[in-house]
Amino acid sequence: MGSADTPSEQVNYKPGIICWVIISIIFLILITVSLFLSAGTLNWQMAWVYVAIAAIIQMLDAIVLIPISPELLGERSRYQKGAKKWDQFLSRIMATIGPITIWIVSGLDYRYSWSPKFPNWLVIISAGLVFLGGLLGLWAMASNRFFIGMVRIQEERGHMVIKSGPYQYVRHPGYLGSLLFIFFTGLMLGSLWALIPAGLTCGVVFLRTYLEDNMLKDELAGYLEYSQEVHSRLLPGVW
């Protein structure tokens, strides 16, 4: 999706920001509990690195977005009335059910040693791609003040198409960031079994991208023309 700047108004964004901060803290707690409870130990170095990466991404989100797009944080922290029914289901799988399953399976794998030990280079590269996925999501949010958690046309906010930032290269850079973060989580944590829920969750991301892209072509003015300029939905030169 895209956006256009509108004249600033005297709006109190503090409640929305506070709500977003609370949700972010709950998210980090959920990651920590899911990983270490399923692993049965706190002595898991890469899990702590993963939690640290997630925390750094959340802090960067706050540092970047609070000054330039505080209204976006408020929008992302509330229920999106009018969101597409199919997305109310898919967004929960992508943002909550899928990741929790990946964390739990990774923790159980660590506890019971289901997977062989990964080479250090694979773990390090996977950690870098997880972090890169988070940064790409931040870049997309910083470029698009309509980057909310569920799919809907935000007519009350003057929803428009943009072409700046990562949207110059792919039409759904936020979903590309999610793919990196989701898929490489299991590899970073040393779990082959986690690739099963990760692959299924990535499939949901592709489906959500396809459905949202078609909806935007039909309902958002200027998006069809934009799709003819930027041909790739997610993967440049591929799809």
C-alpha atoms as a PDB file:
ATOM      1  CA  MET A   1       0.000   0.000   0.000  1.00  0.00           C
ATOM      2  CA  GLY A   2       1.013   3.651  -0.170  1.00  0.00           C
ATOM      3  CA  SER A   3       0.418   6.980   1.463  1.00  0.00           C
ATOM      4  CA  ALA A   4       0.581  10.712   1.039  1.00  0.00           C
ATOM      5  CA  ASP A   5       1.451  13.212   3.715  1.00  0.00           C
ATOM      6  CA  THR A   6      -1.402  15.283   5.072  1.00  0.00           C
ATOM      7  CA  PRO A   7      -1.230  18.532   7.027  1.00  0.00           C
ATOM      8  CA  SER A   8      -0.478  17.963  10.683  1.00  0.00           C
ATOM      9  CA  GLU A   9      -3.362  18.236  13.079  1.00  0.00           C
ATOM     10  CA  GLN A  10      -3.512  18.708  16.801  1.00  0.00           C
ATOM     11  CA  VAL A  11      -4.105  15.082  17.717  1.00  0.00           C
ATOM     12  CA  ASN A  12      -3.061  13.311  20.901  1.00  0.00           C
ATOM     13  CA  TYR A  13      -1.120  10.270  19.726  1.00  0.00           C
ATOM     14  CA  LYS A  14       0.175   9.376  23.199  1.00  0.00           C
ATOM     15  CA  PRO A  15      -2.531   6.772  24.065  1.00  0.00           C
ATOM     16  CA  GLY A  16      -1.931   4.938  20.798  1.00  0.00           C
ATOM     17  CA  ILE A  17       1.832   4.974  21.284  1.00  0.00           C
ATOM     18  CA  ILE A  18       1.489   3.671  24.845  1.00  0.00           C
ATOM     19  CA  CYS A  19      -0.793   0.883  23.623  1.00  0.00           C
ATOM     20  CA  TRP A  20       1.720  -0.035  20.916  1.00  0.00           C
ATOM     21  CA  VAL A  21       4.558  -0.124  23.473  1.00  0.00           C
ATOM     22  CA  ILE A  22       2.516  -2.440  25.721  1.00  0.00           C
ATOM     23  CA  ILE A  23       1.757  -4.751  22.789  1.00  0.00           C
ATOM     24  CA  SER A  24       5.452  -4.768  21.843  1.00  0.00           C
ATOM     25  CA  ILE A  25       6.459  -5.736  25.384  1.00  0.00           C
ATOM     26  CA  ILE A  26       3.857  -8.512  25.439  1.00  0.00           C
ATOM     27  CA  PHE A  27       5.224  -9.736  22.097  1.00  0.00           C
ATOM     28  CA  LEU A  28       8.762  -9.952  23.505  1.00  0.00           C
ATOM     29  CA  ILE A  29       7.500 -11.755  26.609  1.00  0.00           C
ATOM     30  CA  LEU A  30       5.606 -14.192  24.390  1.00  0.00           C
ATOM     31  CA  ILE A  31       8.761 -14.950  22.400  1.00  0.00           C
ATOM     32  CA  THR A  32      10.795 -15.507  25.564  1.00  0.00           C
ATOM     33  CA  VAL A  33       8.225 -17.725  27.281  1.00  0.00           C
ATOM     34  CA  SER A  34       7.528 -19.783  24.145  1.00  0.00           C
ATOM     35  CA  LEU A  35      11.209 -20.463  23.500  1.00  0.00           C
ATOM     36  CA  PHE A  36      12.512 -21.180  26.967  1.00  0.00           C
ATOM     37  CA  LEU A  37       9.475 -22.960  28.361  1.00  0.00           C
ATOM     38  CA  SER A  38       9.453 -25.409  25.449  1.00  0.00           C
ATOM     39  CA  ALA A  39      13.248 -25.808  25.677  1.00  0.00           C
ATOM     40  CA  GLY A  40      13.025 -26.496  29.405  1.00  0.00           C
ATOM     41  CA  THR A  41      16.097 -24.371  30.105  1.00  0.00           C
ATOM     42  CA  LEU A  42      17.368 -20.818  30.086  1.00  0.00           C
ATOM     43  CA  ASN A  43      20.802 -22.008  28.947  1.00  0.00           C
ATOM     44  CA  TRP A  44      20.212 -21.503  25.215  1.00  0.00           C
ATOM     45  CA  GLN A  45      22.536 -18.913  23.746  1.00  0.00           C
ATOM     46  CA  MET A  46      20.988 -18.504  20.291  1.00  0.00           C
ATOM     47  CA  ALA A  47      17.517 -18.115  21.767  1.00  0.00           C
ATOM     48  CA  TRP A  48      18.782 -15.174  23.817  1.00  0.00           C
ATOM     49  CA  VAL A  49      20.374 -13.726  20.673  1.00  0.00           C
ATOM     50  CA  TYR A  50      17.026 -14.101  18.910  1.00  0.00           C
ATOM     51  CA  VAL A  51      15.176 -12.332  21.734  1.00  0.00           C
ATOM     52  CA  ALA A  52      17.809  -9.572  21.620  1.00  0.00           C
ATOM     53  CA  ILE A  53      17.331  -9.156  17.851  1.00  0.00           C
ATOM     54  CA  ALA A  54      13.559  -8.912  18.306  1.00  0.00           C
ATOM     55  CA  ALA A  55      14.017  -6.349  21.095  1.00  0.00           C
ATOM     56  CA  ILE A  56      16.436  -4.264  19.001  1.00  0.00           C
ATOM     57  CA  ILE A  57      13.986  -4.239  16.101  1.00  0.00           C
ATOM     58  CA  GLN A  58      11.175  -3.095  18.419  1.00  0.00           C
ATOM     59  CA  MET A  59      13.381  -0.323  19.828  1.00  0.00           C
ATOM     60  CA  LEU A  60      14.367   0.808  16.327  1.00  0.00           C
ATOM     61  CA  ASP A  61      10.697   0.849  15.366  1.00  0.00           C
ATOM     62  CA  ALA A  62      10.009   3.182  18.278  1.00  0.00           C
ATOM     63  CA  ILE A  63      13.030   5.411  17.630  1.00  0.00           C
ATOM     64  CA  VAL A  64      12.180   5.830  13.939  1.00  0.00           C
ATOM     65  CA  LEU A  65       8.377   5.808  13.907  1.00  0.00           C
ATOM     66  CA  ILE A  66       7.408   7.831  16.986  1.00  0.00           C
ATOM     67  CA  PRO A  67       8.902  11.086  15.592  1.00  0.00           C
ATOM     68  CA  ILE A  68       7.804  10.657  11.961  1.00  0.00           C
ATOM     69  CA  SER A  69       4.600   8.598  12.077  1.00  0.00           C
ATOM     70  CA  PRO A  70       3.085   8.422  15.579  1.00  0.00           C
ATOM     71  CA  GLU A  71      -0.419   7.948  14.192  1.00  0.00           C
ATOM     72  CA  LEU A  72       0.677   4.721  12.517  1.00  0.00           C
ATOM     73  CA  LEU A  73       1.606   3.143  15.841  1.00  0.00           C
ATOM     74  CA  GLY A  74      -1.827   3.990  17.188  1.00  0.00           C
ATOM     75  CA  GLU A  75      -3.507   2.517  14.134  1.00  0.00           C
ATOM     76  CA  ARG A  76      -1.463  -0.679  14.413  1.00  0.00           C
ATOM     77  CA  SER A  77      -2.377  -1.098  18.069  1.00  0.00           C
ATOM     78  CA  ARG A  78      -6.152  -1.063  17.620  1.00  0.00           C
ATOM     79  CA  TYR A  79      -8.720  -3.350  16.031  1.00  0.00           C
ATOM     80  CA  GLN A  80      -9.224  -2.475  12.378  1.00  0.00           C
ATOM     81  CA  LYS A  81     -12.955  -2.120  11.840  1.00  0.00           C
ATOM     82  CA  GLY A  82     -13.836  -2.856   8.245  1.00  0.00           C
ATOM     83  CA  ALA A  83     -10.857  -5.157   7.647  1.00  0.00           C
ATOM     84  CA  LYS A  84     -11.416  -7.873   5.070  1.00  0.00           C
ATOM     85  CA  LYS A  85     -12.832 -11.031   6.663  1.00  0.00           C
ATOM     86  CA  TRP A  86     -10.274 -13.263   4.968  1.00  0.00           C
ATOM     87  CA  ASP A  87      -7.480 -11.115   6.366  1.00  0.00           C
ATOM     88  CA  GLN A  88      -8.817 -11.236   9.904  1.00  0.00           C
ATOM     89  CA  PHE A  89      -8.041 -14.965   9.730  1.00  0.00           C
ATOM     90  CA  LEU A  90      -4.797 -14.885   7.724  1.00  0.00           C
ATOM     91  CA  SER A  91      -3.248 -12.012   9.691  1.00  0.00           C
ATOM     92  CA  ARG A  92      -3.630 -13.946  12.963  1.00  0.00           C
ATOM     93  CA  ILE A  93      -1.892 -16.984  11.500  1.00  0.00           C
ATOM     94  CA  MET A  94       0.928 -14.865  10.077  1.00  0.00           C
ATOM     95  CA  ALA A  95       1.483 -12.638  13.116  1.00  0.00           C
ATOM     96  CA  THR A  96       0.641 -14.920  16.054  1.00  0.00           C
ATOM     97  CA  ILE A  97      -0.196 -18.588  15.510  1.00  0.00           C
ATOM     98  CA  GLY A  98       2.573 -19.275  12.996  1.00  0.00           C
ATOM     99  CA  PRO A  99       5.425 -17.608  14.920  1.00  0.00           C
ATOM    100  CA  ILE A 100       4.378 -19.149  18.260  1.00  0.00           C
ATOM    101  CA  THR A 101       4.370 -22.591  16.654  1.00  0.00           C
ATOM    102  CA  ILE A 102       7.835 -21.974  15.198  1.00  0.00           C
ATOM    103  CA  TRP A 103       9.192 -20.882  18.592  1.00  0.00           C
ATOM    104  CA  ILE A 104       7.694 -23.865  20.431  1.00  0.00           C
ATOM    105  CA  VAL A 105       8.892 -26.404  17.863  1.00  0.00           C
ATOM    106  CA  SER A 106      12.370 -24.843  17.939  1.00  0.00           C
ATOM    107  CA  GLY A 107      12.406 -25.055  21.741  1.00  0.00           C
ATOM    108  CA  LEU A 108      11.291 -28.681  21.759  1.00  0.00           C
ATOM    109  CA  ASP A 109      13.908 -29.453  19.114  1.00  0.00           C
ATOM    110  CA  TYR A 110      16.584 -27.906  21.326  1.00  0.00           C
ATOM    111  CA  ARG A 111      15.368 -29.875  24.344  1.00  0.00           C
ATOM    112  CA  TYR A 112      15.220 -33.261  22.618  1.00  0.00           C
ATOM    113  CA  SER A 113      17.965 -32.748  19.989  1.00  0.00           C
ATOM    114  CA  TRP A 114      15.787 -33.732  17.042  1.00  0.00           C
ATOM    115  CA  SER A 115      17.964 -31.893  14.513  1.00  0.00           C
ATOM    116  CA  PRO A 116      21.699 -32.317  13.849  1.00  0.00           C
ATOM    117  CA  LYS A 117      23.978 -29.486  14.904  1.00  0.00           C
ATOM    118  CA  PHE A 118      24.040 -26.731  12.293  1.00  0.00           C
ATOM    119  CA  PRO A 119      27.326 -25.226  11.049  1.00  0.00           C
ATOM    120  CA  ASN A 120      28.096 -21.856  12.593  1.00  0.00           C
ATOM    121  CA  TRP A 121      28.063 -20.088   9.223  1.00  0.00           C
ATOM    122  CA  LEU A 122      24.454 -21.161   8.596  1.00  0.00           C
ATOM    123  CA  VAL A 123      23.317 -19.970  12.028  1.00  0.00           C
ATOM    124  CA  ILE A 124      25.111 -16.627  11.636  1.00  0.00           C
ATOM    125  CA  ILE A 125      23.750 -15.995   8.129  1.00  0.00           C
ATOM    126  CA  SER A 126      20.232 -16.938   9.283  1.00  0.00           C
ATOM    127  CA  ALA A 127      20.496 -14.539  12.228  1.00  0.00           C
ATOM    128  CA  GLY A 128      21.558 -11.787   9.841  1.00  0.00           C
ATOM    129  CA  LEU A 129      18.583 -12.470   7.560  1.00  0.00           C
ATOM    130  CA  VAL A 130      16.182 -12.457  10.517  1.00  0.00           C
ATOM    131  CA  PHE A 131      17.522  -9.029  11.475  1.00  0.00           C
ATOM    132  CA  LEU A 132      17.398  -7.873   7.851  1.00  0.00           C
ATOM    133  CA  GLY A 133      13.746  -8.937   7.680  1.00  0.00           C
ATOM    134  CA  GLY A 134      12.973  -6.782  10.693  1.00  0.00           C
ATOM    135  CA  LEU A 135      14.788  -3.801   9.194  1.00  0.00           C
ATOM    136  CA  LEU A 136      12.962  -4.192   5.892  1.00  0.00           C
ATOM    137  CA  GLY A 137       9.648  -4.158   7.751  1.00  0.00           C
ATOM    138  CA  LEU A 138      10.725  -0.972   9.541  1.00  0.00           C
ATOM    139  CA  TRP A 139      11.716   0.661   6.245  1.00  0.00           C
ATOM    140  CA  ALA A 140       8.307  -0.187   4.811  1.00  0.00           C
ATOM    141  CA  MET A 141       6.501   1.272   7.840  1.00  0.00           C
ATOM    142  CA  ALA A 142       8.646   4.402   7.813  1.00  0.00           C
ATOM    143  CA  SER A 143       7.797   4.920   4.140  1.00  0.00           C
ATOM    144  CA  ASN A 144       4.082   4.185   4.437  1.00  0.00           C
ATOM    145  CA  ARG A 145       1.890   5.699   7.135  1.00  0.00           C
ATOM    146  CA  PHE A 146      -0.929   3.335   6.083  1.00  0.00           C
ATOM    147  CA  PHE A 147       1.033   0.204   6.989  1.00  0.00           C
ATOM    148  CA  ILE A 148      -1.546  -1.207   9.395  1.00  0.00           C
ATOM    149  CA  GLY A 149      -1.995  -4.732  10.715  1.00  0.00           C
ATOM    150  CA  MET A 150      -5.048  -5.746   8.672  1.00  0.00           C
ATOM    151  CA  VAL A 151      -6.096  -5.160   5.090  1.00  0.00           C
ATOM    152  CA  ARG A 152      -8.639  -2.415   4.429  1.00  0.00           C
ATOM    153  CA  ILE A 153      -8.927   0.766   2.397  1.00  0.00           C
ATOM    154  CA  GLN A 154      -8.444   3.629   4.850  1.00  0.00           C
ATOM    155  CA  GLU A 155     -10.694   6.191   3.210  1.00  0.00           C
ATOM    156  CA  GLU A 156     -11.002   8.227   6.417  1.00  0.00           C
ATOM    157  CA  ARG A 157      -7.226   8.766   6.353  1.00  0.00           C
ATOM    158  CA  GLY A 158      -6.926   9.675   2.682  1.00  0.00           C
ATOM    159  CA  HIS A 159      -5.427   6.364   1.617  1.00  0.00           C
ATOM    160  CA  MET A 160      -3.230   6.850  -1.468  1.00  0.00           C
ATOM    161  CA  VAL A 161      -0.486   5.011  -3.340  1.00  0.00           C
ATOM    162  CA  ILE A 162       3.185   5.839  -2.797  1.00  0.00           C
ATOM    163  CA  LYS A 163       6.235   4.791  -4.732  1.00  0.00           C
ATOM    164  CA  SER A 164       9.065   5.810  -2.388  1.00  0.00           C
ATOM    165  CA  GLY A 165      11.354   3.778  -0.153  1.00  0.00           C
ATOM    166  CA  PRO A 166      11.232   0.001  -0.717  1.00  0.00           C
ATOM    167  CA  TYR A 167       7.994   0.419  -2.676  1.00  0.00           C
ATOM    168  CA  GLN A 168      10.181   1.438  -5.632  1.00  0.00           C
ATOM    169  CA  TYR A 169      11.328  -2.173  -5.911  1.00  0.00           C
ATOM    170  CA  VAL A 170       8.485  -4.413  -4.720  1.00  0.00           C
ATOM    171  CA  ARG A 171       4.833  -3.708  -4.030  1.00  0.00           C
ATOM    172  CA  HIS A 172       4.752  -5.471  -0.632  1.00  0.00           C
ATOM    173  CA  PRO A 173       8.143  -4.982   1.059  1.00  0.00           C
ATOM    174  CA  GLY A 174       6.675  -5.511   4.526  1.00  0.00           C
ATOM    175  CA  TYR A 175       5.618  -9.021   3.590  1.00  0.00           C
ATOM    176  CA  LEU A 176       9.073  -9.688   2.147  1.00  0.00           C
ATOM    177  CA  GLY A 177      10.546  -8.676   5.504  1.00  0.00           C
ATOM    178  CA  SER A 178       8.121 -11.012   7.253  1.00  0.00           C
ATOM    179  CA  LEU A 179       9.172 -13.887   4.986  1.00  0.00           C
ATOM    180  CA  LEU A 180      12.817 -13.402   5.932  1.00  0.00           C
ATOM    181  CA  PHE A 181      12.054 -13.088   9.639  1.00  0.00           C
ATOM    182  CA  ILE A 182       9.737 -16.119   9.707  1.00  0.00           C
ATOM    183  CA  PHE A 183      11.624 -18.563   7.489  1.00  0.00           C
ATOM    184  CA  PHE A 184      15.096 -18.029   8.937  1.00  0.00           C
ATOM    185  CA  THR A 185      13.986 -18.114  12.584  1.00  0.00           C
ATOM    186  CA  GLY A 186      14.105 -21.925  12.720  1.00  0.00           C
ATOM    187  CA  LEU A 187      17.492 -22.080  10.978  1.00  0.00           C
ATOM    188  CA  MET A 188      18.916 -19.481  13.339  1.00  0.00           C
ATOM    189  CA  LEU A 189      17.666 -21.538  16.286  1.00  0.00           C
ATOM    190  CA  GLY A 190      19.103 -24.747  14.851  1.00  0.00           C
ATOM    191  CA  SER A 191      15.834 -26.533  14.085  1.00  0.00           C
ATOM    192  CA  LEU A 192      15.012 -28.364  10.869  1.00  0.00           C
ATOM    193  CA  TRP A 193      11.601 -29.291  12.249  1.00  0.00           C
ATOM    194  CA  ALA A 194      10.717 -25.614  12.685  1.00  0.00           C
ATOM    195  CA  LEU A 195      10.915 -25.287   8.899  1.00  0.00           C
ATOM    196  CA  ILE A 196       7.562 -27.099   8.695  1.00  0.00           C
ATOM    197  CA  PRO A 197       5.495 -24.441  10.512  1.00  0.00           C
ATOM    198  CA  ALA A 198       7.760 -21.764   9.019  1.00  0.00           C
ATOM    199  CA  GLY A 199       7.027 -22.996   5.503  1.00  0.00           C
ATOM    200  CA  LEU A 200       3.287 -23.125   6.180  1.00  0.00           C
ATOM    201  CA  THR A 201       3.346 -19.613   7.647  1.00  0.00           C
ATOM    202  CA  CYS A 202       5.306 -18.333   4.650  1.00  0.00           C
ATOM    203  CA  GLY A 203       2.620 -19.899   2.454  1.00  0.00           C
ATOM    204  CA  VAL A 204       0.074 -17.772   4.308  1.00  0.00           C
ATOM    205  CA  VAL A 205       2.230 -14.699   3.622  1.00  0.00           C
ATOM    206  CA  PHE A 206       2.221 -15.468  -0.112  1.00  0.00           C
ATOM    207  CA  LEU A 207      -1.546 -16.025  -0.075  1.00  0.00           C
ATOM    208  CA  ARG A 208      -2.145 -12.823   1.865  1.00  0.00           C
ATOM    209  CA  THR A 209       0.062 -10.909  -0.566  1.00  0.00           C
ATOM    210  CA  TYR A 210      -1.855 -12.279  -3.547  1.00  0.00           C
ATOM    211  CA  LEU A 211      -5.277 -11.471  -2.069  1.00  0.00           C
ATOM    212  CA  GLU A 212      -4.271  -8.012  -0.844  1.00  0.00           C
ATOM    213  CA  ASP A 213      -2.650  -7.136  -4.154  1.00  0.00           C
ATOM    214  CA  ASN A 214      -5.818  -8.030  -6.079  1.00  0.00           C
ATOM    215  CA  MET A 215      -7.972  -6.113  -3.601  1.00  0.00           C
ATOM    216  CA  LEU A 216      -5.813  -3.001  -3.942  1.00  0.00           C
ATOM    217  CA  LYS A 217      -5.994  -3.175  -7.738  1.00  0.00           C
ATOM    218  CA  ASP A 218      -9.787  -3.222  -7.501  1.00  0.00           C
ATOM    219  CA  GLU A 219     -10.351  -0.728  -4.690  1.00  0.00           C
ATOM    220  CA  LEU A 220      -7.413   1.681  -4.289  1.00  0.00           C
ATOM    221  CA  ALA A 221      -7.224   4.489  -6.844  1.00  0.00           C
ATOM    222  CA  GLY A 222      -3.938   4.484  -8.732  1.00  0.00           C
ATOM    223  CA  TYR A 223      -2.767   1.077  -7.537  1.00  0.00           C
ATOM    224  CA  LEU A 224      -3.401  -0.699 -10.841  1.00  0.00           C
ATOM    225  CA  GLU A 225      -1.178   1.819 -12.621  1.00  0.00           C
ATOM    226  CA  TYR A 226       1.435   1.440  -9.871  1.00  0.00           C
ATOM    227  CA  SER A 227       1.410  -2.342 -10.342  1.00  0.00           C
ATOM    228  CA  GLN A 228       2.239  -1.813 -14.006  1.00  0.00           C
ATOM    229  CA  GLU A 229       5.257   0.298 -13.027  1.00  0.00           C
ATOM    230  CA  VAL A 230       6.541  -1.929 -10.212  1.00  0.00           C
ATOM    231  CA  HIS A 231       6.004  -5.428 -11.533  1.00  0.00           C
ATOM    232  CA  SER A 232       7.100  -7.549  -8.530  1.00  0.00           C
ATOM    233  CA  ARG A 233       4.811  -8.236  -5.589  1.00  0.00           C
ATOM    234  CA  LEU A 234       7.484  -9.706  -3.309  1.00  0.00           C
ATOM    235  CA  LEU A 235      10.558 -11.017  -5.107  1.00  0.00           C
ATOM    236  CA  PRO A 236      12.169  -8.703  -7.683  1.00  0.00           C
ATOM    237  CA  GLY A 237      12.182 -10.361 -11.070  1.00  0.00           C
ATOM    238  CA  VAL A 238      10.454 -13.494  -9.741  1.00  0.00           C
ATOM    239  CA  TRP A 239       6.933 -12.752  -8.444  1.00  0.00           C
END
